[in-house]
PDB file of N, CA and C in Angstrom:
ATOM      1  N   UNK A   1     102.378  48.228 106.095  1.00  0.00           N
ATOM      2  CA  UNK A   1     103.581  48.283 105.285  1.00  0.00           C
ATOM      3  C   UNK A   1     104.794  48.257 106.219  1.00  0.00           C
ATOM      4  N   UNK A   2     105.741  47.423 105.884  1.00  0.00           N
ATOM      5  CA  UNK A   2     106.928  47.310 106.724  1.00  0.00           C
ATOM      6  C   UNK A   2     107.830  48.535 106.522  1.00  0.00           C
ATOM      7  N   UNK A   3     108.673  48.827 107.508  1.00  0.00           N
ATOM      8  CA  UNK A   3     109.609  49.946 107.343  1.00  0.00           C
ATOM      9  C   UNK A   3     110.527  49.779 106.126  1.00  0.00           C
ATOM     10  N   UNK A   4     110.943  48.548 105.843  1.00  0.00           N
ATOM     11  CA  UNK A   4     111.818  48.316 104.694  1.00  0.00           C
ATOM     12  C   UNK A   4     111.105  48.638 103.387  1.00  0.00           C
ATOM     13  N   UNK A   5     109.888  48.174 103.221  1.00  0.00           N
ATOM     14  CA  UNK A   5     109.131  48.455 102.003  1.00  0.00           C
ATOM     15  C   UNK A   5     108.862  49.948 101.872  1.00  0.00           C
ATOM     16  N   UNK A   6     108.494  50.586 102.945  1.00  0.00           N
ATOM     17  CA  UNK A   6     108.226  52.021 102.913  1.00  0.00           C
ATOM     18  C   UNK A   6     109.471  52.800 102.494  1.00  0.00           C
ATOM     19  N   UNK A   7     110.615  52.490 103.095  1.00  0.00           N
ATOM     20  CA  UNK A   7     111.864  53.174 102.763  1.00  0.00           C
ATOM     21  C   UNK A   7     112.252  52.888 101.311  1.00  0.00           C
ATOM     22  N   UNK A   8     112.039  51.666 100.846  1.00  0.00           N
ATOM     23  CA  UNK A   8     112.356  51.312  99.460  1.00  0.00           C
ATOM     24  C   UNK A   8     111.516  52.133  98.490  1.00  0.00           C
ATOM     25  N   UNK A   9     110.242  52.301  98.786  1.00  0.00           N
ATOM     26  CA  UNK A   9     109.373  53.090  97.915  1.00  0.00           C
ATOM     27  C   UNK A   9     109.761  54.570  97.947  1.00  0.00           C
ATOM     28  N   UNK A  10     110.157  55.069  99.117  1.00  0.00           N
ATOM     29  CA  UNK A  10     110.623  56.452  99.202  1.00  0.00           C
ATOM     30  C   UNK A  10     111.853  56.654  98.322  1.00  0.00           C
ATOM     31  N   UNK A  11     112.787  55.707  98.386  1.00  0.00           N
ATOM     32  CA  UNK A  11     114.000  55.799  97.561  1.00  0.00           C
ATOM     33  C   UNK A  11     113.664  55.650  96.079  1.00  0.00           C
ATOM     34  N   UNK A  12     112.691  54.815  95.767  1.00  0.00           N
ATOM     35  CA  UNK A  12     112.267  54.655  94.382  1.00  0.00           C
ATOM     36  C   UNK A  12     111.741  55.982  93.846  1.00  0.00           C
ATOM     37  N   UNK A  13     110.971  56.683  94.653  1.00  0.00           N
ATOM     38  CA  UNK A  13     110.421  57.975  94.244  1.00  0.00           C
ATOM     39  C   UNK A  13     111.520  58.980  93.893  1.00  0.00           C
ATOM     40  N   UNK A  14     112.661  58.843  94.527  1.00  0.00           N
ATOM     41  CA  UNK A  14     113.773  59.748  94.255  1.00  0.00           C
ATOM     42  C   UNK A  14     114.577  59.333  93.027  1.00  0.00           C
ATOM     43  N   UNK A  15     114.464  58.070  92.639  1.00  0.00           N
ATOM     44  CA  UNK A  15     115.297  57.528  91.557  1.00  0.00           C
ATOM     45  C   UNK A  15     114.642  57.542  90.183  1.00  0.00           C
ATOM     46  N   UNK A  16     113.328  57.476  90.133  1.00  0.00           N
ATOM     47  CA  UNK A  16     112.645  57.378  88.846  1.00  0.00           C
ATOM     48  C   UNK A  16     111.816  58.632  88.573  1.00  0.00           C
ATOM     49  N   UNK A  17     111.462  58.823  87.315  1.00  0.00           N
ATOM     50  CA  UNK A  17     110.625  59.939  86.918  1.00  0.00           C
ATOM     51  C   UNK A  17     109.166  59.570  87.200  1.00  0.00           C
ATOM     52  N   UNK A  18     108.676  60.046  88.319  1.00  0.00           N
ATOM     53  CA  UNK A  18     107.322  59.704  88.773  1.00  0.00           C
ATOM     54  C   UNK A  18     106.265  60.196  87.782  1.00  0.00           C
ATOM     55  N   UNK A  19     106.502  61.337  87.161  1.00  0.00           N
ATOM     56  CA  UNK A  19     105.490  61.898  86.256  1.00  0.00           C
ATOM     57  C   UNK A  19     105.234  61.012  85.040  1.00  0.00           C
ATOM     58  N   UNK A  20     106.200  60.178  84.678  1.00  0.00           N
ATOM     59  CA  UNK A  20     106.006  59.261  83.551  1.00  0.00           C
ATOM     60  C   UNK A  20     105.749  57.837  84.027  1.00  0.00           C
ATOM     61  N   UNK A  21     105.646  57.664  85.333  1.00  0.00           N
ATOM     62  CA  UNK A  21     105.435  56.330  85.881  1.00  0.00           C
ATOM     63  C   UNK A  21     106.690  55.472  85.819  1.00  0.00           C
ATOM     64  N   UNK A  22     107.832  56.138  85.684  1.00  0.00           N
ATOM     65  CA  UNK A  22     109.073  55.377  85.599  1.00  0.00           C
ATOM     66  C   UNK A  22     109.121  54.518  84.362  1.00  0.00           C
ATOM     67  N   UNK A  23     108.613  55.043  83.256  1.00  0.00           N
ATOM     68  CA  UNK A  23     108.503  54.257  82.034  1.00  0.00           C
ATOM     69  C   UNK A  23     109.770  54.153  81.205  1.00  0.00           C
ATOM     70  N   UNK A  24     110.746  54.988  81.493  1.00  0.00           N
ATOM     71  CA  UNK A  24     112.010  54.912  80.748  1.00  0.00           C
ATOM     72  C   UNK A  24     112.658  53.551  81.029  1.00  0.00           C
ATOM     73  N   UNK A  25     113.344  52.950  80.046  1.00  0.00           N
ATOM     74  CA  UNK A  25     113.950  51.634  80.272  1.00  0.00           C
ATOM     75  C   UNK A  25     114.870  51.549  81.498  1.00  0.00           C
ATOM     76  N   UNK A  26     115.598  52.612  81.780  1.00  0.00           N
ATOM     77  CA  UNK A  26     116.447  52.587  82.978  1.00  0.00           C
ATOM     78  C   UNK A  26     115.577  52.604  84.229  1.00  0.00           C
ATOM     79  N   UNK A  27     114.526  53.427  84.239  1.00  0.00           N
ATOM     80  CA  UNK A  27     113.603  53.457  85.381  1.00  0.00           C
ATOM     81  C   UNK A  27     112.919  52.103  85.561  1.00  0.00           C
ATOM     82  N   UNK A  28     112.539  51.470  84.450  1.00  0.00           N
ATOM     83  CA  UNK A  28     111.933  50.133  84.523  1.00  0.00           C
ATOM     84  C   UNK A  28     112.892  49.149  85.189  1.00  0.00           C
ATOM     85  N   UNK A  29     114.160  49.235  84.816  1.00  0.00           N
ATOM     86  CA  UNK A  29     115.165  48.344  85.404  1.00  0.00           C
ATOM     87  C   UNK A  29     115.310  48.591  86.895  1.00  0.00           C
ATOM     88  N   UNK A  30     115.280  49.853  87.296  1.00  0.00           N
ATOM     89  CA  UNK A  30     115.382  50.188  88.717  1.00  0.00           C
ATOM     90  C   UNK A  30     114.196  49.605  89.481  1.00  0.00           C
ATOM     91  N   UNK A  31     112.990  49.789  88.953  1.00  0.00           N
ATOM     92  CA  UNK A  31     111.799  49.258  89.630  1.00  0.00           C
ATOM     93  C   UNK A  31     111.882  47.738  89.764  1.00  0.00           C
ATOM     94  N   UNK A  32     112.215  47.067  88.676  1.00  0.00           N
ATOM     95  CA  UNK A  32     112.272  45.605  88.699  1.00  0.00           C
ATOM     96  C   UNK A  32     113.359  45.101  89.645  1.00  0.00           C
ATOM     97  N   UNK A  33     114.522  45.730  89.602  1.00  0.00           N
ATOM     98  CA  UNK A  33     115.618  45.320  90.479  1.00  0.00           C
ATOM     99  C   UNK A  33     115.240  45.493  91.940  1.00  0.00           C
ATOM    100  N   UNK A  34     114.625  46.620  92.260  1.00  0.00           N
ATOM    101  CA  UNK A  34     114.228  46.884  93.642  1.00  0.00           C
ATOM    102  C   UNK A  34     113.173  45.892  94.112  1.00  0.00           C
ATOM    103  N   UNK A  35     112.151  45.644  93.316  1.00  0.00           N
ATOM    104  CA  UNK A  35     111.104  44.711  93.725  1.00  0.00           C
ATOM    105  C   UNK A  35     111.628  43.278  93.818  1.00  0.00           C
ATOM    106  N   UNK A  36     112.516  42.914  92.927  1.00  0.00           N
ATOM    107  CA  UNK A  36     113.113  41.576  92.991  1.00  0.00           C
ATOM    108  C   UNK A  36     113.919  41.421  94.278  1.00  0.00           C
ATOM    109  N   UNK A  37     114.686  42.433  94.625  1.00  0.00           N
ATOM    110  CA  UNK A  37     115.478  42.406  95.856  1.00  0.00           C
ATOM    111  C   UNK A  37     114.556  42.319  97.080  1.00  0.00           C
ATOM    112  N   UNK A  38     113.503  43.112  97.090  1.00  0.00           N
ATOM    113  CA  UNK A  38     112.556  43.077  98.212  1.00  0.00           C
ATOM    114  C   UNK A  38     111.930  41.694  98.351  1.00  0.00           C
ATOM    115  N   UNK A  39     111.548  41.111  97.221  1.00  0.00           N
ATOM    116  CA  UNK A  39     110.970  39.763  97.241  1.00  0.00           C
ATOM    117  C   UNK A  39     111.970  38.762  97.819  1.00  0.00           C
ATOM    118  N   UNK A  40     113.226  38.876  97.407  1.00  0.00           N
ATOM    119  CA  UNK A  40     114.266  37.972  97.914  1.00  0.00           C
ATOM    120  C   UNK A  40     114.521  38.168  99.410  1.00  0.00           C
ATOM    121  N   UNK A  41     114.160  39.339  99.937  1.00  0.00           N
ATOM    122  CA  UNK A  41     114.318  39.615 101.367  1.00  0.00           C
ATOM    123  C   UNK A  41     113.022  39.395 102.148  1.00  0.00           C
ATOM    124  N   UNK A  42     112.090  38.667 101.540  1.00  0.00           N
ATOM    125  CA  UNK A  42     110.899  38.240 102.248  1.00  0.00           C
ATOM    126  C   UNK A  42     109.788  39.260 102.373  1.00  0.00           C
ATOM    127  N   UNK A  43     109.882  40.354 101.630  1.00  0.00           N
ATOM    128  CA  UNK A  43     108.831  41.373 101.702  1.00  0.00           C
ATOM    129  C   UNK A  43     107.610  40.933 100.903  1.00  0.00           C
ATOM    130  N   UNK A  44     106.435  41.156 101.462  1.00  0.00           N
ATOM    131  CA  UNK A  44     105.191  40.909 100.742  1.00  0.00           C
ATOM    132  C   UNK A  44     104.932  42.119  99.861  1.00  0.00           C
ATOM    133  N   UNK A  45     104.722  41.883  98.592  1.00  0.00           N
ATOM    134  CA  UNK A  45     104.503  42.972  97.637  1.00  0.00           C
ATOM    135  C   UNK A  45     103.057  42.933  97.154  1.00  0.00           C
ATOM    136  N   UNK A  46     102.222  43.688  97.823  1.00  0.00           N
ATOM    137  CA  UNK A  46     100.795  43.738  97.525  1.00  0.00           C
ATOM    138  C   UNK A  46     100.493  44.865  96.544  1.00  0.00           C
ATOM    139  N   UNK A  47      99.820  44.528  95.475  1.00  0.00           N
ATOM    140  CA  UNK A  47      99.457  45.526  94.467  1.00  0.00           C
ATOM    141  C   UNK A  47      98.658  46.669  95.082  1.00  0.00           C
ATOM    142  N   UNK A  48      97.660  46.338  95.875  1.00  0.00           N
ATOM    143  CA  UNK A  48      96.804  47.375  96.472  1.00  0.00           C
ATOM    144  C   UNK A  48      97.598  48.291  97.394  1.00  0.00           C
ATOM    145  N   UNK A  49      98.419  47.715  98.242  1.00  0.00           N
ATOM    146  CA  UNK A  49      99.196  48.501  99.198  1.00  0.00           C
ATOM    147  C   UNK A  49     100.176  49.432  98.489  1.00  0.00           C
ATOM    148  N   UNK A  50     100.872  48.918  97.493  1.00  0.00           N
ATOM    149  CA  UNK A  50     101.864  49.714  96.783  1.00  0.00           C
ATOM    150  C   UNK A  50     101.195  50.753  95.894  1.00  0.00           C
ATOM    151  N   UNK A  51     100.100  50.403  95.256  1.00  0.00           N
ATOM    152  CA  UNK A  51      99.358  51.370  94.438  1.00  0.00           C
ATOM    153  C   UNK A  51      98.843  52.525  95.290  1.00  0.00           C
ATOM    154  N   UNK A  52      98.306  52.208  96.451  1.00  0.00           N
ATOM    155  CA  UNK A  52      97.807  53.247  97.356  1.00  0.00           C
ATOM    156  C   UNK A  52      98.937  54.162  97.789  1.00  0.00           C
ATOM    157  N   UNK A  53     100.060  53.559  98.183  1.00  0.00           N
ATOM    158  CA  UNK A  53     101.214  54.365  98.598  1.00  0.00           C
ATOM    159  C   UNK A  53     101.645  55.277  97.455  1.00  0.00           C
ATOM    160  N   UNK A  54     101.716  54.739  96.244  1.00  0.00           N
ATOM    161  CA  UNK A  54     102.169  55.518  95.092  1.00  0.00           C
ATOM    162  C   UNK A  54     101.235  56.700  94.820  1.00  0.00           C
ATOM    163  N   UNK A  55      99.932  56.470  94.871  1.00  0.00           N
ATOM    164  CA  UNK A  55      98.964  57.560  94.660  1.00  0.00           C
ATOM    165  C   UNK A  55      99.151  58.655  95.688  1.00  0.00           C
ATOM    166  N   UNK A  56      99.422  58.263  96.925  1.00  0.00           N
ATOM    167  CA  UNK A  56      99.610  59.231  98.007  1.00  0.00           C
ATOM    168  C   UNK A  56     100.946  59.965  97.904  1.00  0.00           C
ATOM    169  N   UNK A  57     101.822  59.493  97.004  1.00  0.00           N
ATOM    170  CA  UNK A  57     103.154  60.073  96.904  1.00  0.00           C
ATOM    171  C   UNK A  57     103.487  60.553  95.491  1.00  0.00           C
ATOM    172  N   UNK A  58     102.464  61.030  94.779  1.00  0.00           N
ATOM    173  CA  UNK A  58     102.688  61.744  93.538  1.00  0.00           C
ATOM    174  C   UNK A  58     102.539  60.982  92.237  1.00  0.00           C
ATOM    175  N   UNK A  59     102.228  59.688  92.303  1.00  0.00           N
ATOM    176  CA  UNK A  59     102.036  58.915  91.075  1.00  0.00           C
ATOM    177  C   UNK A  59     100.590  59.097  90.610  1.00  0.00           C
ATOM    178  N   UNK A  60     100.380  59.163  89.295  1.00  0.00           N
ATOM    179  CA  UNK A  60      99.009  59.237  88.782  1.00  0.00           C
ATOM    180  C   UNK A  60      98.329  57.889  89.028  1.00  0.00           C
ATOM    181  N   UNK A  61      97.021  57.887  88.936  1.00  0.00           N
ATOM    182  CA  UNK A  61      96.267  56.661  89.195  1.00  0.00           C
ATOM    183  C   UNK A  61      96.714  55.481  88.356  1.00  0.00           C
ATOM    184  N   UNK A  62      96.868  55.694  87.046  1.00  0.00           N
ATOM    185  CA  UNK A  62      97.257  54.599  86.154  1.00  0.00           C
ATOM    186  C   UNK A  62      98.688  54.136  86.430  1.00  0.00           C
ATOM    187  N   UNK A  63      99.589  55.081  86.627  1.00  0.00           N
ATOM    188  CA  UNK A  63     100.978  54.713  86.915  1.00  0.00           C
ATOM    189  C   UNK A  63     101.101  54.014  88.266  1.00  0.00           C
ATOM    190  N   UNK A  64     100.321  54.455  89.238  1.00  0.00           N
ATOM    191  CA  UNK A  64     100.333  53.808  90.556  1.00  0.00           C
ATOM    192  C   UNK A  64      99.838  52.363  90.444  1.00  0.00           C
ATOM    193  N   UNK A  65      98.797  52.179  89.665  1.00  0.00           N
ATOM    194  CA  UNK A  65      98.246  50.835  89.453  1.00  0.00           C
ATOM    195  C   UNK A  65      99.286  49.935  88.787  1.00  0.00           C
ATOM    196  N   UNK A  66      99.952  50.449  87.751  1.00  0.00           N
ATOM    197  CA  UNK A  66     100.978  49.673  87.053  1.00  0.00           C
ATOM    198  C   UNK A  66     102.136  49.313  87.986  1.00  0.00           C
ATOM    199  N   UNK A  67     102.544  50.254  88.841  1.00  0.00           N
ATOM    200  CA  UNK A  67     103.622  49.988  89.788  1.00  0.00           C
ATOM    201  C   UNK A  67     103.224  48.867  90.744  1.00  0.00           C
ATOM    202  N   UNK A  68     102.014  48.945  91.282  1.00  0.00           N
ATOM    203  CA  UNK A  68     101.537  47.907  92.185  1.00  0.00           C
ATOM    204  C   UNK A  68     101.452  46.545  91.520  1.00  0.00           C
ATOM    205  N   UNK A  69     100.960  46.525  90.290  1.00  0.00           N
ATOM    206  CA  UNK A  69     100.847  45.258  89.572  1.00  0.00           C
ATOM    207  C   UNK A  69     102.219  44.650  89.283  1.00  0.00           C
ATOM    208  N   UNK A  70     103.189  45.495  88.915  1.00  0.00           N
ATOM    209  CA  UNK A  70     104.544  45.007  88.675  1.00  0.00           C
ATOM    210  C   UNK A  70     105.118  44.409  89.958  1.00  0.00           C
ATOM    211  N   UNK A  71     104.957  45.128  91.048  1.00  0.00           N
ATOM    212  CA  UNK A  71     105.477  44.645  92.328  1.00  0.00           C
ATOM    213  C   UNK A  71     104.854  43.303  92.706  1.00  0.00           C
ATOM    214  N   UNK A  72     103.552  43.187  92.568  1.00  0.00           N
ATOM    215  CA  UNK A  72     102.883  41.945  92.941  1.00  0.00           C
ATOM    216  C   UNK A  72     103.307  40.778  92.048  1.00  0.00           C
ATOM    217  N   UNK A  73     103.466  41.041  90.754  1.00  0.00           N
ATOM    218  CA  UNK A  73     103.944  39.978  89.847  1.00  0.00           C
ATOM    219  C   UNK A  73     105.313  39.467  90.294  1.00  0.00           C
ATOM    220  N   UNK A  74     106.204  40.393  90.580  1.00  0.00           N
ATOM    221  CA  UNK A  74     107.546  39.997  91.017  1.00  0.00           C
ATOM    222  C   UNK A  74     107.469  39.324  92.383  1.00  0.00           C
ATOM    223  N   UNK A  75     106.619  39.848  93.251  1.00  0.00           N
ATOM    224  CA  UNK A  75     106.453  39.281  94.585  1.00  0.00           C
ATOM    225  C   UNK A  75     105.865  37.883  94.581  1.00  0.00           C
ATOM    226  N   UNK A  76     105.162  37.539  93.512  1.00  0.00           N
ATOM    227  CA  UNK A  76     104.596  36.194  93.424  1.00  0.00           C
ATOM    228  C   UNK A  76     105.537  35.238  92.691  1.00  0.00           C
ATOM    229  N   UNK A  77     106.741  35.728  92.379  1.00  0.00           N
ATOM    230  CA  UNK A  77     107.752  34.860  91.788  1.00  0.00           C
ATOM    231  C   UNK A  77     107.860  34.907  90.276  1.00  0.00           C
ATOM    232  N   UNK A  78     107.114  35.808  89.640  1.00  0.00           N
ATOM    233  CA  UNK A  78     107.198  35.911  88.183  1.00  0.00           C
ATOM    234  C   UNK A  78     108.595  36.369  87.775  1.00  0.00           C
ATOM    235  N   UNK A  79     109.067  35.825  86.685  1.00  0.00           N
ATOM    236  CA  UNK A  79     110.370  36.216  86.164  1.00  0.00           C
ATOM    237  C   UNK A  79     110.223  37.497  85.359  1.00  0.00           C
ATOM    238  N   UNK A  80     111.211  38.369  85.482  1.00  0.00           N
ATOM    239  CA  UNK A  80     111.225  39.604  84.707  1.00  0.00           C
ATOM    240  C   UNK A  80     112.594  39.776  84.073  1.00  0.00           C
ATOM    241  N   UNK A  81     112.599  40.432  82.947  1.00  0.00           N
ATOM    242  CA  UNK A  81     113.858  40.737  82.275  1.00  0.00           C
ATOM    243  C   UNK A  81     114.299  42.129  82.698  1.00  0.00           C
ATOM    244  N   UNK A  82     115.524  42.228  83.199  1.00  0.00           N
ATOM    245  CA  UNK A  82     116.072  43.508  83.635  1.00  0.00           C
ATOM    246  C   UNK A  82     117.161  43.899  82.645  1.00  0.00           C
ATOM    247  N   UNK A  83     116.896  44.948  81.893  1.00  0.00           N
ATOM    248  CA  UNK A  83     117.797  45.356  80.825  1.00  0.00           C
ATOM    249  C   UNK A  83     119.075  46.006  81.360  1.00  0.00           C
ATOM    250  N   UNK A  84     118.944  46.869  82.353  1.00  0.00           N
ATOM    251  CA  UNK A  84     120.088  47.576  82.931  1.00  0.00           C
ATOM    252  C   UNK A  84     120.264  47.117  84.379  1.00  0.00           C
ATOM    253  N   UNK A  85     121.044  46.074  84.557  1.00  0.00           N
ATOM    254  CA  UNK A  85     121.148  45.417  85.862  1.00  0.00           C
ATOM    255  C   UNK A  85     122.024  46.153  86.866  1.00  0.00           C
ATOM    256  N   UNK A  86     122.803  47.102  86.421  1.00  0.00           N
ATOM    257  CA  UNK A  86     123.769  47.741  87.309  1.00  0.00           C
ATOM    258  C   UNK A  86     123.318  49.107  87.821  1.00  0.00           C
ATOM    259  N   UNK A  87     122.043  49.393  87.810  1.00  0.00           N
ATOM    260  CA  UNK A  87     121.565  50.721  88.178  1.00  0.00           C
ATOM    261  C   UNK A  87     121.417  50.936  89.681  1.00  0.00           C
ATOM    262  N   UNK A  88     121.384  49.874  90.451  1.00  0.00           N
ATOM    263  CA  UNK A  88     121.340  50.000  91.912  1.00  0.00           C
ATOM    264  C   UNK A  88     122.542  49.252  92.486  1.00  0.00           C
ATOM    265  N   UNK A  89     123.333  49.959  93.265  1.00  0.00           N
ATOM    266  CA  UNK A  89     124.581  49.397  93.786  1.00  0.00           C
ATOM    267  C   UNK A  89     124.355  48.611  95.076  1.00  0.00           C
ATOM    268  N   UNK A  90     125.359  47.856  95.457  1.00  0.00           N
ATOM    269  CA  UNK A  90     125.327  47.151  96.742  1.00  0.00           C
ATOM    270  C   UNK A  90     125.177  48.150  97.878  1.00  0.00           C
ATOM    271  N   UNK A  91     125.806  49.309  97.728  1.00  0.00           N
ATOM    272  CA  UNK A  91     125.709  50.353  98.751  1.00  0.00           C
ATOM    273  C   UNK A  91     124.278  50.877  98.880  1.00  0.00           C
ATOM    274  N   UNK A  92     123.578  50.969  97.755  1.00  0.00           N
ATOM    275  CA  UNK A  92     122.185  51.396  97.784  1.00  0.00           C
ATOM    276  C   UNK A  92     121.367  50.473  98.685  1.00  0.00           C
ATOM    277  N   UNK A  93     121.556  49.166  98.491  1.00  0.00           N
ATOM    278  CA  UNK A  93     120.793  48.197  99.272  1.00  0.00           C
ATOM    279  C   UNK A  93     121.252  48.154 100.729  1.00  0.00           C
ATOM    280  N   UNK A  94     122.542  48.311 100.972  1.00  0.00           N
ATOM    281  CA  UNK A  94     123.054  48.360 102.349  1.00  0.00           C
ATOM    282  C   UNK A  94     122.473  49.567 103.074  1.00  0.00           C
ATOM    283  N   UNK A  95     122.448  50.710 102.396  1.00  0.00           N
ATOM    284  CA  UNK A  95     121.858  51.922 102.992  1.00  0.00           C
ATOM    285  C   UNK A  95     120.369  51.725 103.245  1.00  0.00           C
ATOM    286  N   UNK A  96     119.689  51.082 102.333  1.00  0.00           N
ATOM    287  CA  UNK A  96     118.268  50.815 102.480  1.00  0.00           C
ATOM    288  C   UNK A  96     118.001  49.983 103.731  1.00  0.00           C
ATOM    289  N   UNK A  97     118.771  48.932 103.914  1.00  0.00           N
ATOM    290  CA  UNK A  97     118.616  48.106 105.115  1.00  0.00           C
ATOM    291  C   UNK A  97     118.915  48.898 106.378  1.00  0.00           C
ATOM    292  N   UNK A  98     119.974  49.672 106.340  1.00  0.00           N
ATOM    293  CA  UNK A  98     120.376  50.462 107.506  1.00  0.00           C
ATOM    294  C   UNK A  98     119.323  51.508 107.859  1.00  0.00           C
ATOM    295  N   UNK A  99     118.832  52.207 106.849  1.00  0.00           N
ATOM    296  CA  UNK A  99     117.855  53.274 107.084  1.00  0.00           C
ATOM    297  C   UNK A  99     116.490  52.744 107.512  1.00  0.00           C
ATOM    298  N   UNK A 100     116.149  51.549 107.102  1.00  0.00           N
ATOM    299  CA  UNK A 100     114.824  51.010 107.458  1.00  0.00           C
ATOM    300  C   UNK A 100     114.808  50.462 108.873  1.00  0.00           C
ATOM    301  N   UNK A 101     115.971  50.275 109.478  1.00  0.00           N
ATOM    302  CA  UNK A 101     116.038  49.774 110.855  1.00  0.00           C
ATOM    303  C   UNK A 101     115.872  50.894 111.888  1.00  0.00           C
ATOM    304  N   UNK A 102     115.910  52.131 111.440  1.00  0.00           N
ATOM    305  CA  UNK A 102     115.839  53.262 112.383  1.00  0.00           C
ATOM    306  C   UNK A 102     114.447  53.440 112.923  1.00  0.00           C
TER     307      UNK A 102
END
């Protein structure tokens, strides 16, 4: 797992309700926006890798699997509808890039 992907998942854990698998529509938008951005920055989004990371970081088995599958779909170029597009700021992504370089 690259430092950027790892840092992105750590930040995701802080932004969404992990106990519900981030199922709220705003949480769904955050997940989709983050994975779309990662895909656009050349990150490989592997379902197995992300699911494993999620299980190790407090996600239930089913929610971890769903997170990994969503990431892989977006990583393979699938289109997704993002209902709340303004939930992650430019500063969020700038900080993510800065923090992953450390």
